[in-house]
Amino acid sequence: MTLMEALEQFVSQCNNNTRLREMNRDWSRRIQLTPNDTQNLHWLVSDGGLVSCGAGAVESPDMLIEAQESILTDIFSGQMTPTEPYNNGDLLVKGHQDDMMRLDILTLLIWGE
């Protein structure tokens, strides 16, 4: 699975879950994903309860997430929680603590532990 495929699956899970759409209705954020081994930039945008994704750079990101592409793919496909790579220093997240927690909760609600 590619990172883009994982993001598309993540977006679909978010947008098809009424509970998550309601939870995110007031969370508008632009998230830049930077694989540090390939530099193939991707983005996620949450706006009005809906999430979208794409390849390339996002304008004025609120959050920056950097890791190897395989780690990002595993996180957004549900194969791995972000906790272990974050604690090991393999996942760098820059942004407000509240936004980091929100994204962590999203992955937990979609994929479980």
PDB file of N, CA and C in Angstrom:
ATOM      1  N   MET A   1       0.848  -1.177   0.000  1.00  0.00           N
ATOM      2  CA  MET A   1       0.000   0.000   0.000  1.00  0.00           C
ATOM      3  C   MET A   1       0.896   1.242   0.000  1.00  0.00           C
ATOM      4  N   THR A   2       0.543   2.209  -0.805  1.00  0.00           N
ATOM      5  CA  THR A   2       1.285   3.467  -0.842  1.00  0.00           C
ATOM      6  C   THR A   2       0.750   4.411   0.237  1.00  0.00           C
ATOM      7  N   LEU A   3       1.507   5.463   0.505  1.00  0.00           N
ATOM      8  CA  LEU A   3       1.049   6.463   1.462  1.00  0.00           C
ATOM      9  C   LEU A   3      -0.251   7.099   0.984  1.00  0.00           C
ATOM     10  N   MET A   4      -0.340   7.403  -0.304  1.00  0.00           N
ATOM     11  CA  MET A   4      -1.559   8.018  -0.830  1.00  0.00           C
ATOM     12  C   MET A   4      -2.760   7.094  -0.646  1.00  0.00           C
ATOM     13  N   GLU A   5      -2.581   5.806  -0.894  1.00  0.00           N
ATOM     14  CA  GLU A   5      -3.674   4.843  -0.697  1.00  0.00           C
ATOM     15  C   GLU A   5      -4.091   4.788   0.772  1.00  0.00           C
ATOM     16  N   ALA A   6      -3.100   4.827   1.678  1.00  0.00           N
ATOM     17  CA  ALA A   6      -3.407   4.818   3.111  1.00  0.00           C
ATOM     18  C   ALA A   6      -4.174   6.073   3.505  1.00  0.00           C
ATOM     19  N   LEU A   7      -3.760   7.227   2.971  1.00  0.00           N
ATOM     20  CA  LEU A   7      -4.450   8.480   3.278  1.00  0.00           C
ATOM     21  C   LEU A   7      -5.872   8.474   2.732  1.00  0.00           C
ATOM     22  N   GLU A   8      -6.051   7.961   1.523  1.00  0.00           N
ATOM     23  CA  GLU A   8      -7.398   7.891   0.940  1.00  0.00           C
ATOM     24  C   GLU A   8      -8.303   6.995   1.772  1.00  0.00           C
ATOM     25  N   GLN A   9      -7.760   5.887   2.263  1.00  0.00           N
ATOM     26  CA  GLN A   9      -8.524   4.985   3.122  1.00  0.00           C
ATOM     27  C   GLN A   9      -8.867   5.685   4.443  1.00  0.00           C
ATOM     28  N   PHE A  10      -7.902   6.397   5.016  1.00  0.00           N
ATOM     29  CA  PHE A  10      -8.114   7.149   6.251  1.00  0.00           C
ATOM     30  C   PHE A  10      -9.207   8.202   6.065  1.00  0.00           C
ATOM     31  N   VAL A  11      -9.129   8.949   4.969  1.00  0.00           N
ATOM     32  CA  VAL A  11     -10.122   9.981   4.657  1.00  0.00           C
ATOM     33  C   VAL A  11     -11.510   9.362   4.517  1.00  0.00           C
ATOM     34  N   SER A  12     -11.594   8.252   3.820  1.00  0.00           N
ATOM     35  CA  SER A  12     -12.876   7.575   3.640  1.00  0.00           C
ATOM     36  C   SER A  12     -13.461   7.149   4.982  1.00  0.00           C
ATOM     37  N   GLN A  13     -12.617   6.588   5.841  1.00  0.00           N
ATOM     38  CA  GLN A  13     -13.078   6.166   7.169  1.00  0.00           C
ATOM     39  C   GLN A  13     -13.575   7.362   7.977  1.00  0.00           C
ATOM     40  N   CYS A  14     -12.855   8.480   7.914  1.00  0.00           N
ATOM     41  CA  CYS A  14     -13.272   9.693   8.641  1.00  0.00           C
ATOM     42  C   CYS A  14     -14.598  10.223   8.118  1.00  0.00           C
ATOM     43  N   ASN A  15     -14.704  10.339   6.807  1.00  0.00           N
ATOM     44  CA  ASN A  15     -15.878  10.971   6.205  1.00  0.00           C
ATOM     45  C   ASN A  15     -17.122  10.095   6.238  1.00  0.00           C
ATOM     46  N   ASN A  16     -16.953   8.785   6.370  1.00  0.00           N
ATOM     47  CA  ASN A  16     -18.095   7.878   6.414  1.00  0.00           C
ATOM     48  C   ASN A  16     -18.531   7.532   7.834  1.00  0.00           C
ATOM     49  N   ASN A  17     -17.907   8.172   8.814  1.00  0.00           N
ATOM     50  CA  ASN A  17     -18.224   7.918  10.213  1.00  0.00           C
ATOM     51  C   ASN A  17     -18.915   9.162  10.787  1.00  0.00           C
ATOM     52  N   THR A  18     -20.203   9.056  11.044  1.00  0.00           N
ATOM     53  CA  THR A  18     -20.993  10.193  11.528  1.00  0.00           C
ATOM     54  C   THR A  18     -20.418  10.763  12.816  1.00  0.00           C
ATOM     55  N   ARG A  19     -19.994   9.899  13.705  1.00  0.00           N
ATOM     56  CA  ARG A  19     -19.429  10.342  14.987  1.00  0.00           C
ATOM     57  C   ARG A  19     -18.176  11.188  14.766  1.00  0.00           C
ATOM     58  N   LEU A  20     -17.295  10.745  13.873  1.00  0.00           N
ATOM     59  CA  LEU A  20     -16.070  11.499  13.600  1.00  0.00           C
ATOM     60  C   LEU A  20     -16.364  12.813  12.889  1.00  0.00           C
ATOM     61  N   ARG A  21     -17.305  12.795  11.954  1.00  0.00           N
ATOM     62  CA  ARG A  21     -17.672  14.049  11.265  1.00  0.00           C
ATOM     63  C   ARG A  21     -18.199  15.066  12.265  1.00  0.00           C
ATOM     64  N   GLU A  22     -19.028  14.615  13.179  1.00  0.00           N
ATOM     65  CA  GLU A  22     -19.574  15.507  14.206  1.00  0.00           C
ATOM     66  C   GLU A  22     -18.457  16.019  15.121  1.00  0.00           C
ATOM     67  N   MET A  23     -17.566  15.130  15.518  1.00  0.00           N
ATOM     68  CA  MET A  23     -16.462  15.498  16.398  1.00  0.00           C
ATOM     69  C   MET A  23     -15.544  16.536  15.742  1.00  0.00           C
ATOM     70  N   ASN A  24     -15.394  16.460  14.425  1.00  0.00           N
ATOM     71  CA  ASN A  24     -14.465  17.336  13.705  1.00  0.00           C
ATOM     72  C   ASN A  24     -15.124  18.542  13.053  1.00  0.00           C
ATOM     73  N   ARG A  25     -16.393  18.743  13.270  1.00  0.00           N
ATOM     74  CA  ARG A  25     -17.094  19.830  12.577  1.00  0.00           C
ATOM     75  C   ARG A  25     -16.486  21.202  12.858  1.00  0.00           C
ATOM     76  N   ASP A  26     -15.857  21.372  14.026  1.00  0.00           N
ATOM     77  CA  ASP A  26     -15.258  22.662  14.369  1.00  0.00           C
ATOM     78  C   ASP A  26     -13.727  22.625  14.355  1.00  0.00           C
ATOM     79  N   TRP A  27     -13.158  21.578  13.759  1.00  0.00           N
ATOM     80  CA  TRP A  27     -11.699  21.419  13.720  1.00  0.00           C
ATOM     81  C   TRP A  27     -11.229  21.592  12.280  1.00  0.00           C
ATOM     82  N   SER A  28     -10.768  22.780  11.950  1.00  0.00           N
ATOM     83  CA  SER A  28     -10.265  23.064  10.602  1.00  0.00           C
ATOM     84  C   SER A  28      -8.749  23.196  10.675  1.00  0.00           C
ATOM     85  N   ARG A  29      -8.068  22.216  10.091  1.00  0.00           N
ATOM     86  CA  ARG A  29      -6.607  22.187  10.152  1.00  0.00           C
ATOM     87  C   ARG A  29      -6.030  21.714   8.825  1.00  0.00           C
ATOM     88  N   ARG A  30      -4.827  22.223   8.541  1.00  0.00           N
ATOM     89  CA  ARG A  30      -4.051  21.804   7.376  1.00  0.00           C
ATOM     90  C   ARG A  30      -2.813  21.084   7.897  1.00  0.00           C
ATOM     91  N   ILE A  31      -2.636  19.847   7.457  1.00  0.00           N
ATOM     92  CA  ILE A  31      -1.556  19.006   7.969  1.00  0.00           C
ATOM     93  C   ILE A  31      -0.634  18.618   6.821  1.00  0.00           C
ATOM     94  N   GLN A  32       0.650  18.926   6.976  1.00  0.00           N
ATOM     95  CA  GLN A  32       1.657  18.564   5.973  1.00  0.00           C
ATOM     96  C   GLN A  32       2.363  17.294   6.418  1.00  0.00           C
ATOM     97  N   LEU A  33       2.388  16.292   5.565  1.00  0.00           N
ATOM     98  CA  LEU A  33       3.093  15.036   5.828  1.00  0.00           C
ATOM     99  C   LEU A  33       4.355  15.014   4.975  1.00  0.00           C
ATOM    100  N   THR A  34       5.502  14.854   5.629  1.00  0.00           N
ATOM    101  CA  THR A  34       6.780  14.859   4.924  1.00  0.00           C
ATOM    102  C   THR A  34       7.527  13.561   5.189  1.00  0.00           C
ATOM    103  N   PRO A  35       7.533  12.642   4.233  1.00  0.00           N
ATOM    104  CA  PRO A  35       8.372  11.452   4.378  1.00  0.00           C
ATOM    105  C   PRO A  35       9.841  11.877   4.268  1.00  0.00           C
ATOM    106  N   ASN A  36      10.621  11.653   5.332  1.00  0.00           N
ATOM    107  CA  ASN A  36      11.998  12.129   5.327  1.00  0.00           C
ATOM    108  C   ASN A  36      12.952  11.258   4.520  1.00  0.00           C
ATOM    109  N   ASP A  37      12.456  10.158   3.988  1.00  0.00           N
ATOM    110  CA  ASP A  37      13.309   9.311   3.157  1.00  0.00           C
ATOM    111  C   ASP A  37      12.997   9.436   1.668  1.00  0.00           C
ATOM    112  N   THR A  38      11.868  10.042   1.317  1.00  0.00           N
ATOM    113  CA  THR A  38      11.517  10.178  -0.101  1.00  0.00           C
ATOM    114  C   THR A  38      11.203  11.609  -0.504  1.00  0.00           C
ATOM    115  N   GLN A  39      10.813  12.444   0.446  1.00  0.00           N
ATOM    116  CA  GLN A  39      10.400  13.834   0.187  1.00  0.00           C
ATOM    117  C   GLN A  39       9.166  13.925  -0.713  1.00  0.00           C
ATOM    118  N   ASN A  40       8.365  12.857  -0.780  1.00  0.00           N
ATOM    119  CA  ASN A  40       7.087  12.874  -1.502  1.00  0.00           C
ATOM    120  C   ASN A  40       6.029  13.452  -0.573  1.00  0.00           C
ATOM    121  N   LEU A  41       5.857  14.756  -0.620  1.00  0.00           N
ATOM    122  CA  LEU A  41       4.943  15.442   0.283  1.00  0.00           C
ATOM    123  C   LEU A  41       3.491  15.041   0.034  1.00  0.00           C
ATOM    124  N   HIS A  42       2.736  14.961   1.120  1.00  0.00           N
ATOM    125  CA  HIS A  42       1.300  14.717   1.083  1.00  0.00           C
ATOM    126  C   HIS A  42       0.656  15.618   2.117  1.00  0.00           C
ATOM    127  N   TRP A  43      -0.650  15.780   2.020  1.00  0.00           N
ATOM    128  CA  TRP A  43      -1.348  16.622   2.980  1.00  0.00           C
ATOM    129  C   TRP A  43      -2.702  16.037   3.347  1.00  0.00           C
ATOM    130  N   LEU A  44      -3.167  16.459   4.514  1.00  0.00           N
ATOM    131  CA  LEU A  44      -4.526  16.203   4.986  1.00  0.00           C
ATOM    132  C   LEU A  44      -5.122  17.550   5.367  1.00  0.00           C
ATOM    133  N   VAL A  45      -6.386  17.748   5.062  1.00  0.00           N
ATOM    134  CA  VAL A  45      -7.101  18.952   5.474  1.00  0.00           C
ATOM    135  C   VAL A  45      -8.411  18.516   6.113  1.00  0.00           C
ATOM    136  N   SER A  46      -8.657  19.039   7.304  1.00  0.00           N
ATOM    137  CA  SER A  46      -9.933  18.834   7.987  1.00  0.00           C
ATOM    138  C   SER A  46     -10.658  20.169   7.975  1.00  0.00           C
ATOM    139  N   ASP A  47     -11.879  20.169   7.448  1.00  0.00           N
ATOM    140  CA  ASP A  47     -12.637  21.418   7.345  1.00  0.00           C
ATOM    141  C   ASP A  47     -14.132  21.121   7.444  1.00  0.00           C
ATOM    142  N   GLY A  48     -14.764  21.649   8.461  1.00  0.00           N
ATOM    143  CA  GLY A  48     -16.209  21.491   8.620  1.00  0.00           C
ATOM    144  C   GLY A  48     -16.655  20.055   8.813  1.00  0.00           C
ATOM    145  N   GLY A  49     -15.800  19.220   9.395  1.00  0.00           N
ATOM    146  CA  GLY A  49     -16.158  17.828   9.639  1.00  0.00           C
ATOM    147  C   GLY A  49     -15.739  16.872   8.544  1.00  0.00           C
ATOM    148  N   LEU A  50     -15.315  17.398   7.406  1.00  0.00           N
ATOM    149  CA  LEU A  50     -14.863  16.541   6.306  1.00  0.00           C
ATOM    150  C   LEU A  50     -13.348  16.612   6.176  1.00  0.00           C
ATOM    151  N   VAL A  51     -12.759  15.492   5.805  1.00  0.00           N
ATOM    152  CA  VAL A  51     -11.312  15.395   5.643  1.00  0.00           C
ATOM    153  C   VAL A  51     -11.013  15.128   4.181  1.00  0.00           C
ATOM    154  N   SER A  52      -9.944  15.743   3.680  1.00  0.00           N
ATOM    155  CA  SER A  52      -9.481  15.488   2.313  1.00  0.00           C
ATOM    156  C   SER A  52      -7.973  15.286   2.353  1.00  0.00           C
ATOM    157  N   CYS A  53      -7.426  14.750   1.264  1.00  0.00           N
ATOM    158  CA  CYS A  53      -5.989  14.503   1.195  1.00  0.00           C
ATOM    159  C   CYS A  53      -5.503  14.735  -0.224  1.00  0.00           C
ATOM    160  N   GLY A  54      -4.200  14.823  -0.362  1.00  0.00           N
ATOM    161  CA  GLY A  54      -3.624  14.988  -1.686  1.00  0.00           C
ATOM    162  C   GLY A  54      -2.117  14.896  -1.637  1.00  0.00           C
ATOM    163  N   ALA A  55      -1.514  14.935  -2.807  1.00  0.00           N
ATOM    164  CA  ALA A  55      -0.055  14.911  -2.930  1.00  0.00           C
ATOM    165  C   ALA A  55       0.446  16.336  -3.067  1.00  0.00           C
ATOM    166  N   GLY A  56       1.657  16.571  -2.580  1.00  0.00           N
ATOM    167  CA  GLY A  56       2.270  17.881  -2.695  1.00  0.00           C
ATOM    168  C   GLY A  56       2.217  18.646  -1.387  1.00  0.00           C
ATOM    169  N   ALA A  57       2.490  19.931  -1.486  1.00  0.00           N
ATOM    170  CA  ALA A  57       2.523  20.794  -0.305  1.00  0.00           C
ATOM    171  C   ALA A  57       1.153  21.418  -0.064  1.00  0.00           C
ATOM    172  N   VAL A  58       0.855  21.649   1.194  1.00  0.00           N
ATOM    173  CA  VAL A  58      -0.370  22.347   1.572  1.00  0.00           C
ATOM    174  C   VAL A  58       0.029  23.764   1.993  1.00  0.00           C
ATOM    175  N   GLU A  59      -0.786  24.718   1.629  1.00  0.00           N
ATOM    176  CA  GLU A  59      -0.497  26.108   1.968  1.00  0.00           C
ATOM    177  C   GLU A  59      -0.762  26.369   3.446  1.00  0.00           C
ATOM    178  N   SER A  60       0.162  27.025   4.107  1.00  0.00           N
ATOM    179  CA  SER A  60       0.030  27.435   5.517  1.00  0.00           C
ATOM    180  C   SER A  60      -0.389  26.290   6.437  1.00  0.00           C
ATOM    181  N   PRO A  61       0.440  25.239   6.556  1.00  0.00           N
ATOM    182  CA  PRO A  61       0.059  24.109   7.410  1.00  0.00           C
ATOM    183  C   PRO A  61      -0.001  24.501   8.887  1.00  0.00           C
ATOM    184  N   ASP A  62      -0.966  23.913   9.590  1.00  0.00           N
ATOM    185  CA  ASP A  62      -1.093  24.085  11.036  1.00  0.00           C
ATOM    186  C   ASP A  62      -0.263  23.050  11.781  1.00  0.00           C
ATOM    187  N   MET A  63       0.019  21.951  11.097  1.00  0.00           N
ATOM    188  CA  MET A  63       0.728  20.833  11.692  1.00  0.00           C
ATOM    189  C   MET A  63       1.695  20.256  10.678  1.00  0.00           C
ATOM    190  N   LEU A  64       2.879  19.869  11.141  1.00  0.00           N
ATOM    191  CA  LEU A  64       3.866  19.206  10.294  1.00  0.00           C
ATOM    192  C   LEU A  64       4.160  17.839  10.896  1.00  0.00           C
ATOM    193  N   ILE A  65       4.086  16.803  10.072  1.00  0.00           N
ATOM    194  CA  ILE A  65       4.372  15.443  10.525  1.00  0.00           C
ATOM    195  C   ILE A  65       5.452  14.876   9.619  1.00  0.00           C
ATOM    196  N   GLU A  66       6.540  14.402  10.233  1.00  0.00           N
ATOM    197  CA  GLU A  66       7.668  13.886   9.461  1.00  0.00           C
ATOM    198  C   GLU A  66       8.089  12.518   9.994  1.00  0.00           C
ATOM    199  N   ALA A  67       8.292  11.580   9.083  1.00  0.00           N
ATOM    200  CA  ALA A  67       8.759  10.232   9.408  1.00  0.00           C
ATOM    201  C   ALA A  67       9.104   9.540   8.096  1.00  0.00           C
ATOM    202  N   GLN A  68       9.666   8.345   8.185  1.00  0.00           N
ATOM    203  CA  GLN A  68       9.870   7.560   6.972  1.00  0.00           C
ATOM    204  C   GLN A  68       8.511   7.285   6.343  1.00  0.00           C
ATOM    205  N   GLU A  69       8.492   7.192   5.027  1.00  0.00           N
ATOM    206  CA  GLU A  69       7.222   6.981   4.328  1.00  0.00           C
ATOM    207  C   GLU A  69       6.521   5.711   4.802  1.00  0.00           C
ATOM    208  N   SER A  70       7.283   4.662   5.085  1.00  0.00           N
ATOM    209  CA  SER A  70       6.667   3.407   5.541  1.00  0.00           C
ATOM    210  C   SER A  70       5.982   3.581   6.896  1.00  0.00           C
ATOM    211  N   ILE A  71       6.546   4.406   7.767  1.00  0.00           N
ATOM    212  CA  ILE A  71       5.926   4.659   9.073  1.00  0.00           C
ATOM    213  C   ILE A  71       4.634   5.444   8.895  1.00  0.00           C
ATOM    214  N   LEU A  72       4.666   6.485   8.068  1.00  0.00           N
ATOM    215  CA  LEU A  72       3.450   7.261   7.807  1.00  0.00           C
ATOM    216  C   LEU A  72       2.366   6.379   7.195  1.00  0.00           C
ATOM    217  N   THR A  73       2.762   5.532   6.264  1.00  0.00           N
ATOM    218  CA  THR A  73       1.809   4.618   5.625  1.00  0.00           C
ATOM    219  C   THR A  73       1.202   3.675   6.658  1.00  0.00           C
ATOM    220  N   ASP A  74       2.037   3.114   7.523  1.00  0.00           N
ATOM    221  CA  ASP A  74       1.541   2.192   8.549  1.00  0.00           C
ATOM    222  C   ASP A  74       0.606   2.888   9.537  1.00  0.00           C
ATOM    223  N   ILE A  75       0.917   4.122   9.903  1.00  0.00           N
ATOM    224  CA  ILE A  75       0.062   4.856  10.841  1.00  0.00           C
ATOM    225  C   ILE A  75      -1.300   5.139  10.212  1.00  0.00           C
ATOM    226  N   PHE A  76      -1.306   5.671   8.985  1.00  0.00           N
ATOM    227  CA  PHE A  76      -2.577   6.070   8.382  1.00  0.00           C
ATOM    228  C   PHE A  76      -3.358   4.899   7.785  1.00  0.00           C
ATOM    229  N   SER A  77      -2.735   3.716   7.716  1.00  0.00           N
ATOM    230  CA  SER A  77      -3.475   2.526   7.289  1.00  0.00           C
ATOM    231  C   SER A  77      -3.941   1.697   8.484  1.00  0.00           C
ATOM    232  N   GLY A  78      -3.544   2.114   9.688  1.00  0.00           N
ATOM    233  CA  GLY A  78      -3.967   1.404  10.888  1.00  0.00           C
ATOM    234  C   GLY A  78      -3.085   0.241  11.278  1.00  0.00           C
ATOM    235  N   GLN A  79      -1.959   0.072  10.607  1.00  0.00           N
ATOM    236  CA  GLN A  79      -1.047  -1.022  10.929  1.00  0.00           C
ATOM    237  C   GLN A  79      -0.203  -0.725  12.163  1.00  0.00           C
ATOM    238  N   MET A  80      -0.128   0.557  12.544  1.00  0.00           N
ATOM    239  CA  MET A  80       0.719   0.977  13.655  1.00  0.00           C
ATOM    240  C   MET A  80       0.072   2.195  14.318  1.00  0.00           C
ATOM    241  N   THR A  81       0.174   2.276  15.638  1.00  0.00           N
ATOM    242  CA  THR A  81      -0.253   3.497  16.313  1.00  0.00           C
ATOM    243  C   THR A  81       0.908   4.485  16.265  1.00  0.00           C
ATOM    244  N   PRO A  82       0.634   5.772  16.362  1.00  0.00           N
ATOM    245  CA  PRO A  82       1.722   6.742  16.309  1.00  0.00           C
ATOM    246  C   PRO A  82       2.572   6.779  17.579  1.00  0.00           C
ATOM    247  N   THR A  83       2.121   6.151  18.652  1.00  0.00           N
ATOM    248  CA  THR A  83       2.799   6.257  19.943  1.00  0.00           C
ATOM    249  C   THR A  83       4.229   5.731  19.910  1.00  0.00           C
ATOM    250  N   GLU A  84       4.427   4.518  19.413  1.00  0.00           N
ATOM    251  CA  GLU A  84       5.766   3.921  19.441  1.00  0.00           C
ATOM    252  C   GLU A  84       6.774   4.698  18.599  1.00  0.00           C
ATOM    253  N   PRO A  85       6.479   5.000  17.321  1.00  0.00           N
ATOM    254  CA  PRO A  85       7.474   5.762  16.561  1.00  0.00           C
ATOM    255  C   PRO A  85       7.705   7.163  17.133  1.00  0.00           C
ATOM    256  N   TYR A  86       6.682   7.767  17.717  1.00  0.00           N
ATOM    257  CA  TYR A  86       6.844   9.085  18.334  1.00  0.00           C
ATOM    258  C   TYR A  86       7.787   8.988  19.527  1.00  0.00           C
ATOM    259  N   ASN A  87       7.557   7.994  20.399  1.00  0.00           N
ATOM    260  CA  ASN A  87       8.403   7.815  21.583  1.00  0.00           C
ATOM    261  C   ASN A  87       9.830   7.436  21.222  1.00  0.00           C
ATOM    262  N   ASN A  88      10.017   6.746  20.099  1.00  0.00           N
ATOM    263  CA  ASN A  88      11.355   6.348  19.645  1.00  0.00           C
ATOM    264  C   ASN A  88      12.082   7.461  18.905  1.00  0.00           C
ATOM    265  N   GLY A  89      11.395   8.561  18.635  1.00  0.00           N
ATOM    266  CA  GLY A  89      12.006   9.655  17.886  1.00  0.00           C
ATOM    267  C   GLY A  89      11.950   9.463  16.383  1.00  0.00           C
ATOM    268  N   ASP A  90      11.181   8.468  15.923  1.00  0.00           N
ATOM    269  CA  ASP A  90      11.066   8.197  14.485  1.00  0.00           C
ATOM    270  C   ASP A  90       9.925   8.975  13.838  1.00  0.00           C
ATOM    271  N   LEU A  91       9.105   9.634  14.644  1.00  0.00           N
ATOM    272  CA  LEU A  91       7.974  10.422  14.164  1.00  0.00           C
ATOM    273  C   LEU A  91       8.074  11.804  14.795  1.00  0.00           C
ATOM    274  N   LEU A  92       8.239  12.806  13.952  1.00  0.00           N
ATOM    275  CA  LEU A  92       8.343  14.186  14.413  1.00  0.00           C
ATOM    276  C   LEU A  92       7.040  14.899  14.102  1.00  0.00           C
ATOM    277  N   VAL A  93       6.441  15.487  15.129  1.00  0.00           N
ATOM    278  CA  VAL A  93       5.182  16.205  14.955  1.00  0.00           C
ATOM    279  C   VAL A  93       5.364  17.610  15.504  1.00  0.00           C
ATOM    280  N   LYS A  94       5.095  18.600  14.657  1.00  0.00           N
ATOM    281  CA  LYS A  94       5.174  19.999  15.078  1.00  0.00           C
ATOM    282  C   LYS A  94       3.793  20.615  14.932  1.00  0.00           C
ATOM    283  N   GLY A  95       3.315  21.181  16.016  1.00  0.00           N
ATOM    284  CA  GLY A  95       2.000  21.803  16.018  1.00  0.00           C
ATOM    285  C   GLY A  95       1.508  21.932  17.438  1.00  0.00           C
ATOM    286  N   HIS A  96       0.293  22.386  17.599  1.00  0.00           N
ATOM    287  CA  HIS A  96      -0.300  22.522  18.925  1.00  0.00           C
ATOM    288  C   HIS A  96      -0.585  21.148  19.510  1.00  0.00           C
ATOM    289  N   GLN A  97      -0.362  21.020  20.803  1.00  0.00           N
ATOM    290  CA  GLN A  97      -0.592  19.753  21.500  1.00  0.00           C
ATOM    291  C   GLN A  97      -2.034  19.270  21.315  1.00  0.00           C
ATOM    292  N   ASP A  98      -2.999  20.180  21.337  1.00  0.00           N
ATOM    293  CA  ASP A  98      -4.404  19.798  21.157  1.00  0.00           C
ATOM    294  C   ASP A  98      -4.637  19.156  19.791  1.00  0.00           C
ATOM    295  N   ASP A  99      -3.980  19.682  18.756  1.00  0.00           N
ATOM    296  CA  ASP A  99      -4.125  19.121  17.411  1.00  0.00           C
ATOM    297  C   ASP A  99      -3.507  17.737  17.328  1.00  0.00           C
ATOM    298  N   MET A 100      -2.359  17.556  17.984  1.00  0.00           N
ATOM    299  CA  MET A 100      -1.706  16.242  17.995  1.00  0.00           C
ATOM    300  C   MET A 100      -2.603  15.215  18.668  1.00  0.00           C
ATOM    301  N   MET A 101      -3.212  15.613  19.786  1.00  0.00           N
ATOM    302  CA  MET A 101      -4.100  14.695  20.495  1.00  0.00           C
ATOM    303  C   MET A 101      -5.333  14.374  19.655  1.00  0.00           C
ATOM    304  N   ARG A 102      -5.863  15.357  18.962  1.00  0.00           N
ATOM    305  CA  ARG A 102      -7.052  15.140  18.120  1.00  0.00           C
ATOM    306  C   ARG A 102      -6.739  14.118  17.028  1.00  0.00           C
ATOM    307  N   LEU A 103      -5.598  14.279  16.363  1.00  0.00           N
ATOM    308  CA  LEU A 103      -5.219  13.351  15.299  1.00  0.00           C
ATOM    309  C   LEU A 103      -4.996  11.946  15.861  1.00  0.00           C
ATOM    310  N   ASP A 104      -4.399  11.853  17.038  1.00  0.00           N
ATOM    311  CA  ASP A 104      -4.188  10.559  17.682  1.00  0.00           C
ATOM    312  C   ASP A 104      -5.528   9.898  18.010  1.00  0.00           C
ATOM    313  N   ILE A 105      -6.483  10.683  18.484  1.00  0.00           N
ATOM    314  CA  ILE A 105      -7.819  10.159  18.792  1.00  0.00           C
ATOM    315  C   ILE A 105      -8.512   9.676  17.522  1.00  0.00           C
ATOM    316  N   LEU A 106      -8.354  10.426  16.429  1.00  0.00           N
ATOM    317  CA  LEU A 106      -8.951  10.004  15.153  1.00  0.00           C
ATOM    318  C   LEU A 106      -8.446   8.632  14.738  1.00  0.00           C
ATOM    319  N   THR A 107      -7.120   8.446  14.783  1.00  0.00           N
ATOM    320  CA  THR A 107      -6.568   7.148  14.374  1.00  0.00           C
ATOM    321  C   THR A 107      -7.039   6.045  15.313  1.00  0.00           C
ATOM    322  N   LEU A 108      -7.139   6.351  16.597  1.00  0.00           N
ATOM    323  CA  LEU A 108      -7.605   5.356  17.562  1.00  0.00           C
ATOM    324  C   LEU A 108      -9.060   4.974  17.311  1.00  0.00           C
ATOM    325  N   LEU A 109      -9.918   5.966  17.047  1.00  0.00           N
ATOM    326  CA  LEU A 109     -11.335   5.675  16.803  1.00  0.00           C
ATOM    327  C   LEU A 109     -11.550   4.908  15.500  1.00  0.00           C
ATOM    328  N   ILE A 110     -10.719   5.177  14.508  1.00  0.00           N
ATOM    329  CA  ILE A 110     -10.865   4.481  13.226  1.00  0.00           C
ATOM    330  C   ILE A 110     -10.297   3.072  13.294  1.00  0.00           C
ATOM    331  N   TRP A 111      -9.076   2.947  13.775  1.00  0.00           N
ATOM    332  CA  TRP A 111      -8.365   1.669  13.681  1.00  0.00           C
ATOM    333  C   TRP A 111      -8.327   0.884  14.985  1.00  0.00           C
ATOM    334  N   GLY A 112      -8.647   1.509  16.127  1.00  0.00           N
ATOM    335  CA  GLY A 112      -8.518   0.818  17.406  1.00  0.00           C
ATOM    336  C   GLY A 112      -7.071   0.811  17.848  1.00  0.00           C
ATOM    337  N   GLU A 113      -6.789   0.057  18.897  1.00  0.00           N
ATOM    338  CA  GLU A 113      -5.422   0.035  19.444  1.00  0.00           C
ATOM    339  C   GLU A 113      -4.546  -0.949  18.727  1.00  0.00           C
TER     340      GLU A 113
END
